[in-house]
Structures are given as C-alpha cells and as structure tokens.
Amino acid sequence: MQNLIFFDVDGTLIVKNGEDYHIPESTSKALKLLRENGNLCFINSGRTMAEMDSVIRGIEVDGFVCGCGTYISYKDDVLFSISIPLKLCDEIINDLQKCNVEWFLEGKNRIYFNNIPSNTQIGLFKKELIEKFFLPFSIILPDNKDTPVFDKFCVCLLPNNNFEYFLNKYREYFTFIDRGDDFFEIVPKGYSKATGIQFLADYFDIPIKNTYAVGDSANDLSMLEFAGTGIVMGNSPENVTKYADYVTDSIMDNGIYNAMKYFNLI
C-alpha cells in the first residue's frame, strides 16, 4: 500500500543555526529512498509559497501543502488554493494598525510588513529574509492605497497592546495558533495542516492510517494528531512531544532517516 508522508520545514527538514541553513544529508537520503519505494512525500508547512526559498524548493518531494492548508500542489499542478477576501484583508490591516502589535502578512507571491521599527522576532525574520533569502516582500505604509491579498498572517504582541479586541473580533473567522513568546500564527477557519492531509488522502485514495506526519512545533499539532502516525523530532519541546506516536532523534542526529527506518518505510 502506498503511503503519504508529510514533513514540516523548520526544525524538521531544515537546520537553521545562525549562518548554517541546510537539509542534512541523511534527510535527503531518506526522502530519496521513500520515493523510490513508491511513497508520496509532501512538505506541509505554515509558510506560504512566497516564503519557500531556493533551498526548500530544491528539496526533492512530490508537492507542497503551504500556508497551513490554504495551498496544495502536486508536482507542477496547483490542486487547491484560497486567499482571504480583499475586503476582509483591508479590514484586518486597519485593525492591526490600531492594536499595537507587530505583524506580517503572508501571500502566495509576496510577504508584507508594516513600516514601524521592529522589536520582536518579526523584525529578526524580516532582516533574515532581506539579507539571506531574498524573498519577495513589500512594506505597507499607513496610507497604503492598494490593499494586498494574503492567505494568512502572524503577529507579535507589544506592551500595552489591544490584541484582545482583535482576537474577539476575528475569532469567528480565524484560528489563532499560540506559538509562545507572544507570537501568534493566524489562519482562516477550516484550514490547517490536517486539512491538507485529508485533501491529499482523498485525492490519491489513500487511507488515513497510511499517512505519516513529521514535525517539531506547535503549529504541527493538527497534522500530528490527525495523521495515521505522528512523528515528532527529538529537538521538539515537551508540549509537542506529548502528542507523538513516536519521538525520533533530533534533526542533527539523523532523526528523519531513523524514523523512516523504524517504520520500515525505507
């Protein structure tokens, strides 16, 4: 029976440590063997396609589930794609400007930041994006005339914020994923890494029991719980490992390869 195997990116497939940014050799070997054995391998990430740099796009997989299930592709075909409606995008931006939070908006082709100096990890991400990855981005000014369309977004809270107003207003429309340290990933209701698995299981007519999900952080929980087998990297925090069917070694200790070997997939 063919299996579907889903991998998070950061901390699962990709090592990020200062200037070191790469996919371990043992991971590349595991992906090659998995596909040679007839399995289908997908990246399943909170990143949108705009955030998939050349390193990630160069990983040999069968397709992508991006933006927490808001975009799904197989080989060169886009199977599914949704964006937040333009009117709602405009309203979100206006409210974010009032709430004393830092934010970035994630579209399929571009990422958007506000123009205020940053004091949170969003500023570190913007700096890394500009200096290292050269990803397509824009700065939104307070008097921006053209509202961008985006698929999901993230915020970091600042002191004396009014995020509770924002959360209460939009909780009907969005799922708020608490990533810790006052960082929230915000995704349209009804979409997640788990819905991406369900979509592709239906598309390929593969039972859920033949799906595997591999991740390391809080935004992986939906797919880890939903997949037939949830595999957590050894470098993961305890609030993630407790949801695992199996905890493998860390990313630098051949975690992907060892897990695939353990389940006799390679």
C-alpha atoms as a PDB file:
ATOM      1  CA  MET A   1       0.000   0.000   0.000  1.00  0.00           C
ATOM      2  CA  GLN A   2       1.266   3.456  -0.939  1.00  0.00           C
ATOM      3  CA  ASN A   3       1.855   5.875   1.949  1.00  0.00           C
ATOM      4  CA  LEU A   4       1.570   9.656   2.205  1.00  0.00           C
ATOM      5  CA  ILE A   5       4.290  11.286   4.305  1.00  0.00           C
ATOM      6  CA  PHE A   6       4.206  14.944   5.370  1.00  0.00           C
ATOM      7  CA  PHE A   7       7.126  16.978   6.688  1.00  0.00           C
ATOM      8  CA  ASP A   8       7.312  20.327   8.422  1.00  0.00           C
ATOM      9  CA  VAL A   9      10.196  22.544   7.290  1.00  0.00           C
ATOM     10  CA  ASP A  10      11.999  24.496  10.029  1.00  0.00           C
ATOM     11  CA  GLY A  11      13.475  22.211  12.662  1.00  0.00           C
ATOM     12  CA  THR A  12      12.265  19.109  10.832  1.00  0.00           C
ATOM     13  CA  LEU A  13      13.714  19.125   7.313  1.00  0.00           C
ATOM     14  CA  ILE A  14      15.860  22.230   7.589  1.00  0.00           C
ATOM     15  CA  VAL A  15      18.581  23.113  10.095  1.00  0.00           C
ATOM     16  CA  LYS A  16      18.664  26.816  10.985  1.00  0.00           C
ATOM     17  CA  ASN A  17      21.503  27.842  13.288  1.00  0.00           C
ATOM     18  CA  GLY A  18      22.972  31.272  12.641  1.00  0.00           C
ATOM     19  CA  GLU A  19      24.540  31.170   9.196  1.00  0.00           C
ATOM     20  CA  ASP A  20      24.004  27.413   8.948  1.00  0.00           C
ATOM     21  CA  TYR A  21      20.893  26.704   6.867  1.00  0.00           C
ATOM     22  CA  HIS A  22      20.670  23.357   5.137  1.00  0.00           C
ATOM     23  CA  ILE A  23      18.947  19.986   4.834  1.00  0.00           C
ATOM     24  CA  PRO A  24      21.010  17.210   6.490  1.00  0.00           C
ATOM     25  CA  GLU A  25      22.471  14.633   4.112  1.00  0.00           C
ATOM     26  CA  SER A  26      20.703  11.779   5.916  1.00  0.00           C
ATOM     27  CA  THR A  27      17.358  13.547   5.411  1.00  0.00           C
ATOM     28  CA  SER A  28      17.929  13.908   1.671  1.00  0.00           C
ATOM     29  CA  LYS A  29      18.841  10.219   1.534  1.00  0.00           C
ATOM     30  CA  ALA A  30      15.666   9.254   3.406  1.00  0.00           C
ATOM     31  CA  LEU A  31      13.444  11.281   1.059  1.00  0.00           C
ATOM     32  CA  LYS A  32      15.092   9.687  -1.972  1.00  0.00           C
ATOM     33  CA  LEU A  33      14.572   6.169  -0.613  1.00  0.00           C
ATOM     34  CA  LEU A  34      10.977   6.892   0.441  1.00  0.00           C
ATOM     35  CA  ARG A  35      10.021   7.962  -3.065  1.00  0.00           C
ATOM     36  CA  GLU A  36      11.939   5.104  -4.693  1.00  0.00           C
ATOM     37  CA  ASN A  37       9.810   2.776  -2.543  1.00  0.00           C
ATOM     38  CA  GLY A  38       6.630   4.275  -4.007  1.00  0.00           C
ATOM     39  CA  ASN A  39       5.689   6.628  -1.181  1.00  0.00           C
ATOM     40  CA  LEU A  40       4.463  10.174  -1.772  1.00  0.00           C
ATOM     41  CA  CYS A  41       6.307  12.878   0.167  1.00  0.00           C
ATOM     42  CA  PHE A  42       4.954  16.392   0.767  1.00  0.00           C
ATOM     43  CA  ILE A  43       6.231  19.431   2.592  1.00  0.00           C
ATOM     44  CA  ASN A  44       3.446  20.548   4.960  1.00  0.00           C
ATOM     45  CA  SER A  45       4.294  23.998   6.260  1.00  0.00           C
ATOM     46  CA  GLY A  46       2.870  27.131   7.800  1.00  0.00           C
ATOM     47  CA  ARG A  47       4.960  29.036   5.249  1.00  0.00           C
ATOM     48  CA  THR A  48       3.186  30.250   2.132  1.00  0.00           C
ATOM     49  CA  MET A  49       4.778  29.668  -1.270  1.00  0.00           C
ATOM     50  CA  ALA A  50       6.300  33.156  -1.172  1.00  0.00           C
ATOM     51  CA  GLU A  51       8.329  32.016   1.844  1.00  0.00           C
ATOM     52  CA  MET A  52       9.693  28.906   0.160  1.00  0.00           C
ATOM     53  CA  ASP A  53      13.232  29.903  -0.793  1.00  0.00           C
ATOM     54  CA  SER A  54      15.531  28.117  -3.233  1.00  0.00           C
ATOM     55  CA  VAL A  55      16.818  25.702  -0.559  1.00  0.00           C
ATOM     56  CA  ILE A  56      13.302  24.492   0.296  1.00  0.00           C
ATOM     57  CA  ARG A  57      12.101  24.427  -3.308  1.00  0.00           C
ATOM     58  CA  GLY A  58      15.161  22.344  -4.131  1.00  0.00           C
ATOM     59  CA  ILE A  59      14.155  19.546  -1.761  1.00  0.00           C
ATOM     60  CA  GLU A  60      13.037  16.558  -3.806  1.00  0.00           C
ATOM     61  CA  VAL A  61       9.432  15.985  -2.751  1.00  0.00           C
ATOM     62  CA  ASP A  62       6.201  15.349  -4.644  1.00  0.00           C
ATOM     63  CA  GLY A  63       4.482  18.596  -3.689  1.00  0.00           C
ATOM     64  CA  PHE A  64       3.608  21.222  -1.120  1.00  0.00           C
ATOM     65  CA  VAL A  65       0.926  21.925   1.450  1.00  0.00           C
ATOM     66  CA  CYS A  66       1.532  25.595   2.268  1.00  0.00           C
ATOM     67  CA  GLY A  67       0.052  28.276   4.480  1.00  0.00           C
ATOM     68  CA  CYS A  68      -1.451  25.712   6.881  1.00  0.00           C
ATOM     69  CA  GLY A  69      -3.564  24.015   4.223  1.00  0.00           C
ATOM     70  CA  THR A  70      -4.506  27.110   2.190  1.00  0.00           C
ATOM     71  CA  TYR A  71      -2.438  25.980  -0.837  1.00  0.00           C
ATOM     72  CA  ILE A  72      -1.803  22.455  -2.121  1.00  0.00           C
ATOM     73  CA  SER A  73       0.259  21.401  -5.125  1.00  0.00           C
ATOM     74  CA  TYR A  74       1.331  18.097  -6.637  1.00  0.00           C
ATOM     75  CA  LYS A  75       4.330  18.188  -8.959  1.00  0.00           C
ATOM     76  CA  ASP A  76       3.631  21.243 -11.173  1.00  0.00           C
ATOM     77  CA  ASP A  77      -0.137  21.307 -10.644  1.00  0.00           C
ATOM     78  CA  VAL A  78      -1.929  23.516  -8.114  1.00  0.00           C
ATOM     79  CA  LEU A  79      -4.705  21.334  -6.686  1.00  0.00           C
ATOM     80  CA  PHE A  80      -6.179  23.837  -4.226  1.00  0.00           C
ATOM     81  CA  SER A  81      -5.697  27.476  -3.297  1.00  0.00           C
ATOM     82  CA  ILE A  82      -7.620  30.059  -1.241  1.00  0.00           C
ATOM     83  CA  SER A  83      -6.896  33.608  -0.105  1.00  0.00           C
ATOM     84  CA  ILE A  84      -8.592  35.921   2.379  1.00  0.00           C
ATOM     85  CA  PRO A  85     -11.199  38.076   0.561  1.00  0.00           C
ATOM     86  CA  LEU A  86      -9.937  41.543  -0.399  1.00  0.00           C
ATOM     87  CA  LYS A  87     -12.459  43.448   1.739  1.00  0.00           C
ATOM     88  CA  LEU A  88     -11.529  41.408   4.817  1.00  0.00           C
ATOM     89  CA  CYS A  89      -7.797  41.896   4.092  1.00  0.00           C
ATOM     90  CA  ASP A  90      -8.345  45.650   4.146  1.00  0.00           C
ATOM     91  CA  GLU A  91     -10.259  45.480   7.431  1.00  0.00           C
ATOM     92  CA  ILE A  92      -7.592  43.286   9.045  1.00  0.00           C
ATOM     93  CA  ILE A  93      -4.794  45.687   8.128  1.00  0.00           C
ATOM     94  CA  ASN A  94      -6.715  48.666   9.508  1.00  0.00           C
ATOM     95  CA  ASP A  95      -7.361  46.845  12.788  1.00  0.00           C
ATOM     96  CA  LEU A  96      -3.785  45.614  13.116  1.00  0.00           C
ATOM     97  CA  GLN A  97      -2.558  49.198  12.805  1.00  0.00           C
ATOM     98  CA  LYS A  98      -4.698  50.117  15.838  1.00  0.00           C
ATOM     99  CA  CYS A  99      -3.728  47.236  18.120  1.00  0.00           C
ATOM    100  CA  ASN A 100      -0.078  47.960  18.945  1.00  0.00           C
ATOM    101  CA  VAL A 101       1.212  44.689  17.556  1.00  0.00           C
ATOM    102  CA  GLU A 102       3.874  43.855  15.012  1.00  0.00           C
ATOM    103  CA  TRP A 103       2.740  41.781  12.070  1.00  0.00           C
ATOM    104  CA  PHE A 104       3.473  40.326   8.705  1.00  0.00           C
ATOM    105  CA  LEU A 105       1.053  39.153   6.045  1.00  0.00           C
ATOM    106  CA  GLU A 106       1.746  36.014   4.019  1.00  0.00           C
ATOM    107  CA  GLY A 107       0.610  35.767   0.412  1.00  0.00           C
ATOM    108  CA  LYS A 108       1.357  33.232  -2.307  1.00  0.00           C
ATOM    109  CA  ASN A 109       3.695  35.532  -4.186  1.00  0.00           C
ATOM    110  CA  ARG A 110       4.752  38.161  -1.638  1.00  0.00           C
ATOM    111  CA  ILE A 111       5.102  38.863   2.095  1.00  0.00           C
ATOM    112  CA  TYR A 112       4.047  42.197   3.607  1.00  0.00           C
ATOM    113  CA  PHE A 113       5.412  44.045   6.655  1.00  0.00           C
ATOM    114  CA  ASN A 114       4.425  47.307   8.304  1.00  0.00           C
ATOM    115  CA  ASN A 115       6.920  50.165   8.286  1.00  0.00           C
ATOM    116  CA  ILE A 116       7.493  50.678  12.031  1.00  0.00           C
ATOM    117  CA  PRO A 117      10.840  49.709  13.642  1.00  0.00           C
ATOM    118  CA  SER A 118      10.588  46.174  14.962  1.00  0.00           C
ATOM    119  CA  ASN A 119      11.333  44.970  18.500  1.00  0.00           C
ATOM    120  CA  THR A 120      10.205  41.330  18.143  1.00  0.00           C
ATOM    121  CA  GLN A 121      11.121  38.151  16.285  1.00  0.00           C
ATOM    122  CA  ILE A 122       9.195  39.524  13.297  1.00  0.00           C
ATOM    123  CA  GLY A 123      11.981  42.072  12.891  1.00  0.00           C
ATOM    124  CA  LEU A 124      14.576  39.299  13.005  1.00  0.00           C
ATOM    125  CA  PHE A 125      12.631  37.381  10.359  1.00  0.00           C
ATOM    126  CA  LYS A 126      12.424  40.464   8.117  1.00  0.00           C
ATOM    127  CA  LYS A 127      16.172  41.053   8.455  1.00  0.00           C
ATOM    128  CA  GLU A 128      16.942  37.413   7.655  1.00  0.00           C
ATOM    129  CA  LEU A 129      14.524  37.463   4.732  1.00  0.00           C
ATOM    130  CA  ILE A 130      16.147  40.539   3.205  1.00  0.00           C
ATOM    131  CA  GLU A 131      19.800  39.675   3.865  1.00  0.00           C
ATOM    132  CA  LYS A 132      19.879  35.915   3.333  1.00  0.00           C
ATOM    133  CA  PHE A 133      16.905  34.585   1.404  1.00  0.00           C
ATOM    134  CA  PHE A 134      15.971  37.469  -0.908  1.00  0.00           C
ATOM    135  CA  LEU A 135      12.307  36.528  -0.711  1.00  0.00           C
ATOM    136  CA  PRO A 136       9.713  38.812  -2.361  1.00  0.00           C
ATOM    137  CA  PHE A 137       8.386  41.308   0.181  1.00  0.00           C
ATOM    138  CA  SER A 138       6.754  44.744   0.417  1.00  0.00           C
ATOM    139  CA  ILE A 139       6.425  47.358   3.138  1.00  0.00           C
ATOM    140  CA  ILE A 140       2.891  48.585   3.833  1.00  0.00           C
ATOM    141  CA  LEU A 141       2.707  52.260   4.735  1.00  0.00           C
ATOM    142  CA  PRO A 142      -0.057  53.691   6.944  1.00  0.00           C
ATOM    143  CA  ASP A 143      -1.579  55.471   3.956  1.00  0.00           C
ATOM    144  CA  ASN A 144      -1.226  52.494   1.632  1.00  0.00           C
ATOM    145  CA  LYS A 145      -3.734  52.820  -1.204  1.00  0.00           C
ATOM    146  CA  ASP A 146      -3.607  49.312  -2.638  1.00  0.00           C
ATOM    147  CA  THR A 147      -4.693  46.560  -0.249  1.00  0.00           C
ATOM    148  CA  PRO A 148      -2.683  43.351  -0.703  1.00  0.00           C
ATOM    149  CA  VAL A 149      -4.396  39.979  -0.753  1.00  0.00           C
ATOM    150  CA  PHE A 150      -2.896  37.395   1.602  1.00  0.00           C
ATOM    151  CA  ASP A 151      -3.626  33.854   2.781  1.00  0.00           C
ATOM    152  CA  LYS A 152      -2.692  34.029   6.490  1.00  0.00           C
ATOM    153  CA  PHE A 153      -0.722  36.272   8.828  1.00  0.00           C
ATOM    154  CA  CYS A 154       1.293  36.435  12.050  1.00  0.00           C
ATOM    155  CA  VAL A 155       1.505  38.912  14.906  1.00  0.00           C
ATOM    156  CA  CYS A 156       3.836  39.591  17.828  1.00  0.00           C
ATOM    157  CA  LEU A 157       2.406  41.416  20.830  1.00  0.00           C
ATOM    158  CA  LEU A 158       3.942  44.614  22.167  1.00  0.00           C
ATOM    159  CA  PRO A 159       3.464  46.078  25.671  1.00  0.00           C
ATOM    160  CA  ASN A 160       0.113  47.821  26.151  1.00  0.00           C
ATOM    161  CA  ASN A 161      -1.354  46.084  23.112  1.00  0.00           C
ATOM    162  CA  ASN A 162      -5.052  45.809  22.307  1.00  0.00           C
ATOM    163  CA  PHE A 163      -4.833  42.319  20.853  1.00  0.00           C
ATOM    164  CA  GLU A 164      -7.801  41.053  22.874  1.00  0.00           C
ATOM    165  CA  TYR A 165     -10.050  43.340  20.798  1.00  0.00           C
ATOM    166  CA  PHE A 166      -8.599  41.884  17.601  1.00  0.00           C
ATOM    167  CA  LEU A 167      -8.895  38.293  18.837  1.00  0.00           C
ATOM    168  CA  ASN A 168     -12.533  38.735  19.888  1.00  0.00           C
ATOM    169  CA  LYS A 169     -13.475  40.406  16.613  1.00  0.00           C
ATOM    170  CA  TYR A 170     -11.886  37.809  14.351  1.00  0.00           C
ATOM    171  CA  ARG A 171     -12.082  34.524  16.310  1.00  0.00           C
ATOM    172  CA  GLU A 172     -15.157  33.596  14.232  1.00  0.00           C
ATOM    173  CA  TYR A 173     -13.125  33.818  11.024  1.00  0.00           C
ATOM    174  CA  PHE A 174      -9.667  32.627  12.047  1.00  0.00           C
ATOM    175  CA  THR A 175      -7.811  30.051  14.110  1.00  0.00           C
ATOM    176  CA  PHE A 176      -5.229  31.677  16.396  1.00  0.00           C
ATOM    177  CA  ILE A 177      -2.219  29.389  16.948  1.00  0.00           C
ATOM    178  CA  ASP A 178      -0.222  30.421  20.021  1.00  0.00           C
ATOM    179  CA  ARG A 179       3.431  29.768  19.150  1.00  0.00           C
ATOM    180  CA  GLY A 180       4.686  31.069  22.505  1.00  0.00           C
ATOM    181  CA  ASP A 181       6.598  34.250  23.418  1.00  0.00           C
ATOM    182  CA  ASP A 182       3.606  36.433  22.428  1.00  0.00           C
ATOM    183  CA  PHE A 183       3.765  35.173  18.826  1.00  0.00           C
ATOM    184  CA  PHE A 184       0.534  34.108  17.079  1.00  0.00           C
ATOM    185  CA  GLU A 185       0.012  32.441  13.698  1.00  0.00           C
ATOM    186  CA  ILE A 186      -3.441  33.250  12.312  1.00  0.00           C
ATOM    187  CA  VAL A 187      -5.116  31.006   9.713  1.00  0.00           C
ATOM    188  CA  PRO A 188      -8.584  31.086   8.101  1.00  0.00           C
ATOM    189  CA  LYS A 189     -11.060  28.829   9.923  1.00  0.00           C
ATOM    190  CA  GLY A 190     -11.431  25.396   8.404  1.00  0.00           C
ATOM    191  CA  TYR A 191      -7.857  25.162   7.131  1.00  0.00           C
ATOM    192  CA  SER A 192      -4.852  23.556   8.780  1.00  0.00           C
ATOM    193  CA  LYS A 193      -2.011  21.184   8.132  1.00  0.00           C
ATOM    194  CA  ALA A 194      -4.533  18.436   8.926  1.00  0.00           C
ATOM    195  CA  THR A 195      -6.976  19.530   6.201  1.00  0.00           C
ATOM    196  CA  GLY A 196      -4.068  19.399   3.767  1.00  0.00           C
ATOM    197  CA  ILE A 197      -3.514  15.756   4.706  1.00  0.00           C
ATOM    198  CA  GLN A 198      -7.223  14.968   4.314  1.00  0.00           C
ATOM    199  CA  PHE A 199      -7.329  16.630   0.887  1.00  0.00           C
ATOM    200  CA  LEU A 200      -4.402  14.630  -0.466  1.00  0.00           C
ATOM    201  CA  ALA A 201      -5.563  11.376   1.134  1.00  0.00           C
ATOM    202  CA  ASP A 202      -8.867  11.825  -0.699  1.00  0.00           C
ATOM    203  CA  TYR A 203      -7.129  12.891  -3.915  1.00  0.00           C
ATOM    204  CA  PHE A 204      -4.898   9.799  -4.010  1.00  0.00           C
ATOM    205  CA  ASP A 205      -7.479   7.499  -2.377  1.00  0.00           C
ATOM    206  CA  ILE A 206      -5.065   6.583   0.418  1.00  0.00           C
ATOM    207  CA  PRO A 207      -6.463   5.650   3.868  1.00  0.00           C
ATOM    208  CA  ILE A 208      -5.591   7.986   6.747  1.00  0.00           C
ATOM    209  CA  LYS A 209      -3.957   5.030   8.514  1.00  0.00           C
ATOM    210  CA  ASN A 210      -1.363   5.124   5.730  1.00  0.00           C
ATOM    211  CA  THR A 211      -0.422   8.741   6.383  1.00  0.00           C
ATOM    212  CA  TYR A 212       2.559   9.913   8.419  1.00  0.00           C
ATOM    213  CA  ALA A 213       3.264  13.422   9.705  1.00  0.00           C
ATOM    214  CA  VAL A 214       6.640  14.621  10.962  1.00  0.00           C
ATOM    215  CA  GLY A 215       7.020  17.887  12.870  1.00  0.00           C
ATOM    216  CA  ASP A 216       8.576  19.703  15.793  1.00  0.00           C
ATOM    217  CA  SER A 217       6.454  22.693  16.862  1.00  0.00           C
ATOM    218  CA  ALA A 218       3.016  23.877  17.994  1.00  0.00           C
ATOM    219  CA  ASN A 219       1.688  24.585  14.511  1.00  0.00           C
ATOM    220  CA  ASP A 220       2.336  20.920  13.650  1.00  0.00           C
ATOM    221  CA  LEU A 221      -0.090  19.615  16.275  1.00  0.00           C
ATOM    222  CA  SER A 222      -3.088  19.424  13.940  1.00  0.00           C
ATOM    223  CA  MET A 223      -1.264  17.162  11.487  1.00  0.00           C
ATOM    224  CA  LEU A 224       0.491  15.127  14.189  1.00  0.00           C
ATOM    225  CA  GLU A 225      -2.858  14.299  15.805  1.00  0.00           C
ATOM    226  CA  PHE A 226      -4.716  13.758  12.525  1.00  0.00           C
ATOM    227  CA  ALA A 227      -2.263  11.580  10.597  1.00  0.00           C
ATOM    228  CA  GLY A 228      -2.260   7.825  10.988  1.00  0.00           C
ATOM    229  CA  THR A 229       1.143   8.160  12.654  1.00  0.00           C
ATOM    230  CA  GLY A 230       2.516  11.345  14.216  1.00  0.00           C
ATOM    231  CA  ILE A 231       6.300  11.520  14.447  1.00  0.00           C
ATOM    232  CA  VAL A 232       7.968  14.262  16.498  1.00  0.00           C
ATOM    233  CA  MET A 233      11.600  15.309  16.210  1.00  0.00           C
ATOM    234  CA  GLY A 234      13.812  14.816  19.262  1.00  0.00           C
ATOM    235  CA  ASN A 235      14.632  18.541  19.281  1.00  0.00           C
ATOM    236  CA  SER A 236      10.961  19.394  19.982  1.00  0.00           C
ATOM    237  CA  PRO A 237       9.554  20.954  23.186  1.00  0.00           C
ATOM    238  CA  GLU A 238       7.578  18.802  25.624  1.00  0.00           C
ATOM    239  CA  ASN A 239       4.239  20.419  24.702  1.00  0.00           C
ATOM    240  CA  VAL A 240       4.720  18.881  21.235  1.00  0.00           C
ATOM    241  CA  THR A 241       6.350  15.528  22.061  1.00  0.00           C
ATOM    242  CA  LYS A 242       3.408  14.551  24.285  1.00  0.00           C
ATOM    243  CA  TYR A 243       1.242  14.317  21.156  1.00  0.00           C
ATOM    244  CA  ALA A 244       3.627  11.965  19.358  1.00  0.00           C
ATOM    245  CA  ASP A 245       3.019   8.367  18.412  1.00  0.00           C
ATOM    246  CA  TYR A 246       6.784   8.173  18.112  1.00  0.00           C
ATOM    247  CA  VAL A 247       9.621  10.522  19.085  1.00  0.00           C
ATOM    248  CA  THR A 248      12.639  10.183  16.815  1.00  0.00           C
ATOM    249  CA  ASP A 249      16.140  11.614  17.200  1.00  0.00           C
ATOM    250  CA  SER A 250      16.908  15.291  16.647  1.00  0.00           C
ATOM    251  CA  ILE A 251      17.314  16.777  13.207  1.00  0.00           C
ATOM    252  CA  MET A 252      21.126  16.732  13.525  1.00  0.00           C
ATOM    253  CA  ASP A 253      21.155  13.115  14.731  1.00  0.00           C
ATOM    254  CA  ASN A 254      19.559  11.643  11.592  1.00  0.00           C
ATOM    255  CA  GLY A 255      16.050  11.943  13.046  1.00  0.00           C
ATOM    256  CA  ILE A 256      14.161  11.701   9.745  1.00  0.00           C
ATOM    257  CA  TYR A 257      16.209   8.795   8.429  1.00  0.00           C
ATOM    258  CA  ASN A 258      15.970   6.873  11.698  1.00  0.00           C
ATOM    259  CA  ALA A 259      12.193   7.351  11.940  1.00  0.00           C
ATOM    260  CA  MET A 260      11.595   6.184   8.373  1.00  0.00           C
ATOM    261  CA  LYS A 261      13.784   3.144   9.087  1.00  0.00           C
ATOM    262  CA  TYR A 262      11.909   2.433  12.315  1.00  0.00           C
ATOM    263  CA  PHE A 263       8.588   2.278  10.462  1.00  0.00           C
ATOM    264  CA  ASN A 264      10.082   0.129   7.673  1.00  0.00           C
ATOM    265  CA  LEU A 265       9.350   2.793   5.063  1.00  0.00           C
ATOM    266  CA  ILE A 266      12.941   2.655   3.800  1.00  0.00           C
END
